[in-house]
Amino acid sequence: MSGSDFINTGPARLARLLAERHPIALVRPPLRLPSFTLYLVWPRRFDQDPAHRWFRELVIGTAKAIAG
């Protein structure tokens, strides 16, 4: 939220992308943070649901585009 004192820790590439579009400050953390893996999970009952499959593909495509 712009103008707040909220802190968010997340992927650097995503933070840079957001900072290009929104008035946020990027600051290096005072300690080294470990890397992490992002996962996409959903209930099995939605495996074959066309709308859910479309949305999963959209999320995966967007994540890949951000990651470069």
C-alpha atoms as a PDB file:
ATOM      1  CA  MET A   1       0.000   0.000   0.000  1.00  0.00           C
ATOM      2  CA  SER A   2       1.515   3.275  -1.080  1.00  0.00           C
ATOM      3  CA  GLY A   3       2.336   5.625   1.767  1.00  0.00           C
ATOM      4  CA  SER A   4       2.355   2.875   4.365  1.00  0.00           C
ATOM      5  CA  ASP A   5       5.130   1.356   6.422  1.00  0.00           C
ATOM      6  CA  PHE A   6       4.352  -2.189   5.265  1.00  0.00           C
ATOM      7  CA  ILE A   7       7.264  -4.472   4.406  1.00  0.00           C
ATOM      8  CA  ASN A   8       7.146  -7.304   1.908  1.00  0.00           C
ATOM      9  CA  THR A   9       9.865  -9.812   1.125  1.00  0.00           C
ATOM     10  CA  GLY A  10       9.632 -11.498  -2.242  1.00  0.00           C
ATOM     11  CA  PRO A  11      11.384 -12.348  -5.490  1.00  0.00           C
ATOM     12  CA  ALA A  12      13.690  -9.529  -6.640  1.00  0.00           C
ATOM     13  CA  ARG A  13      12.512  -9.699 -10.258  1.00  0.00           C
ATOM     14  CA  LEU A  14       8.893  -9.320  -9.209  1.00  0.00           C
ATOM     15  CA  ALA A  15       9.763  -6.467  -6.848  1.00  0.00           C
ATOM     16  CA  ARG A  16      11.582  -4.603  -9.643  1.00  0.00           C
ATOM     17  CA  LEU A  17       8.645  -5.094 -11.994  1.00  0.00           C
ATOM     18  CA  LEU A  18       6.213  -3.762  -9.395  1.00  0.00           C
ATOM     19  CA  ALA A  19       8.487  -0.797  -8.620  1.00  0.00           C
ATOM     20  CA  GLU A  20       8.378   0.201 -12.295  1.00  0.00           C
ATOM     21  CA  ARG A  21       4.607   0.520 -12.077  1.00  0.00           C
ATOM     22  CA  HIS A  22       3.939   1.621  -8.506  1.00  0.00           C
ATOM     23  CA  PRO A  23       5.478   4.115  -6.082  1.00  0.00           C
ATOM     24  CA  ILE A  24       7.279   1.626  -3.853  1.00  0.00           C
ATOM     25  CA  ALA A  25      10.805   1.655  -2.483  1.00  0.00           C
ATOM     26  CA  LEU A  26      13.130  -1.292  -2.975  1.00  0.00           C
ATOM     27  CA  VAL A  27      15.577  -1.839  -0.134  1.00  0.00           C
ATOM     28  CA  ARG A  28      18.081  -4.661   0.298  1.00  0.00           C
ATOM     29  CA  PRO A  29      17.393  -6.741   3.399  1.00  0.00           C
ATOM     30  CA  PRO A  30      19.953  -6.427   6.195  1.00  0.00           C
ATOM     31  CA  LEU A  31      20.735 -10.150   5.980  1.00  0.00           C
ATOM     32  CA  ARG A  32      21.164 -12.751   3.263  1.00  0.00           C
ATOM     33  CA  LEU A  33      17.886 -14.519   2.530  1.00  0.00           C
ATOM     34  CA  PRO A  34      17.782 -18.070   1.179  1.00  0.00           C
ATOM     35  CA  SER A  35      16.429 -18.798  -2.271  1.00  0.00           C
ATOM     36  CA  PHE A  36      13.079 -20.526  -2.587  1.00  0.00           C
ATOM     37  CA  THR A  37      10.916 -22.403  -5.052  1.00  0.00           C
ATOM     38  CA  LEU A  38       7.411 -21.332  -6.007  1.00  0.00           C
ATOM     39  CA  TYR A  39       4.744 -24.026  -6.365  1.00  0.00           C
ATOM     40  CA  LEU A  40       1.286 -23.971  -7.866  1.00  0.00           C
ATOM     41  CA  VAL A  41      -1.121 -26.324  -6.082  1.00  0.00           C
ATOM     42  CA  TRP A  42      -4.826 -27.049  -6.501  1.00  0.00           C
ATOM     43  CA  PRO A  43      -7.386 -29.690  -5.496  1.00  0.00           C
ATOM     44  CA  ARG A  44      -7.337 -32.812  -7.721  1.00  0.00           C
ATOM     45  CA  ARG A  45     -11.000 -32.373  -8.540  1.00  0.00           C
ATOM     46  CA  PHE A  46      -9.981 -29.364 -10.684  1.00  0.00           C
ATOM     47  CA  ASP A  47      -7.328 -31.213 -12.705  1.00  0.00           C
ATOM     48  CA  GLN A  48      -9.576 -31.554 -15.764  1.00  0.00           C
ATOM     49  CA  ASP A  49     -11.688 -28.424 -15.285  1.00  0.00           C
ATOM     50  CA  PRO A  50     -11.200 -26.292 -18.457  1.00  0.00           C
ATOM     51  CA  ALA A  51     -11.503 -22.942 -16.679  1.00  0.00           C
ATOM     52  CA  HIS A  52      -9.145 -23.994 -13.921  1.00  0.00           C
ATOM     53  CA  ARG A  53      -6.652 -25.403 -16.440  1.00  0.00           C
ATOM     54  CA  TRP A  54      -6.793 -22.114 -18.397  1.00  0.00           C
ATOM     55  CA  PHE A  55      -6.116 -20.134 -15.226  1.00  0.00           C
ATOM     56  CA  ARG A  56      -3.199 -22.393 -14.205  1.00  0.00           C
ATOM     57  CA  GLU A  57      -1.640 -21.958 -17.648  1.00  0.00           C
ATOM     58  CA  LEU A  58      -2.113 -18.192 -17.379  1.00  0.00           C
ATOM     59  CA  VAL A  59      -0.387 -18.119 -13.975  1.00  0.00           C
ATOM     60  CA  ILE A  60       2.483 -20.312 -15.214  1.00  0.00           C
ATOM     61  CA  GLY A  61       2.955 -18.214 -18.366  1.00  0.00           C
ATOM     62  CA  THR A  62       2.961 -14.991 -16.389  1.00  0.00           C
ATOM     63  CA  ALA A  63       5.452 -16.359 -13.864  1.00  0.00           C
ATOM     64  CA  LYS A  64       7.768 -17.487 -16.674  1.00  0.00           C
ATOM     65  CA  ALA A  65       7.539 -14.076 -18.348  1.00  0.00           C
ATOM     66  CA  ILE A  66       8.432 -12.309 -15.098  1.00  0.00           C
ATOM     67  CA  ALA A  67      11.298 -14.714 -14.392  1.00  0.00           C
ATOM     68  CA  GLY A  68      12.780 -14.016 -17.807  1.00  0.00           C
END
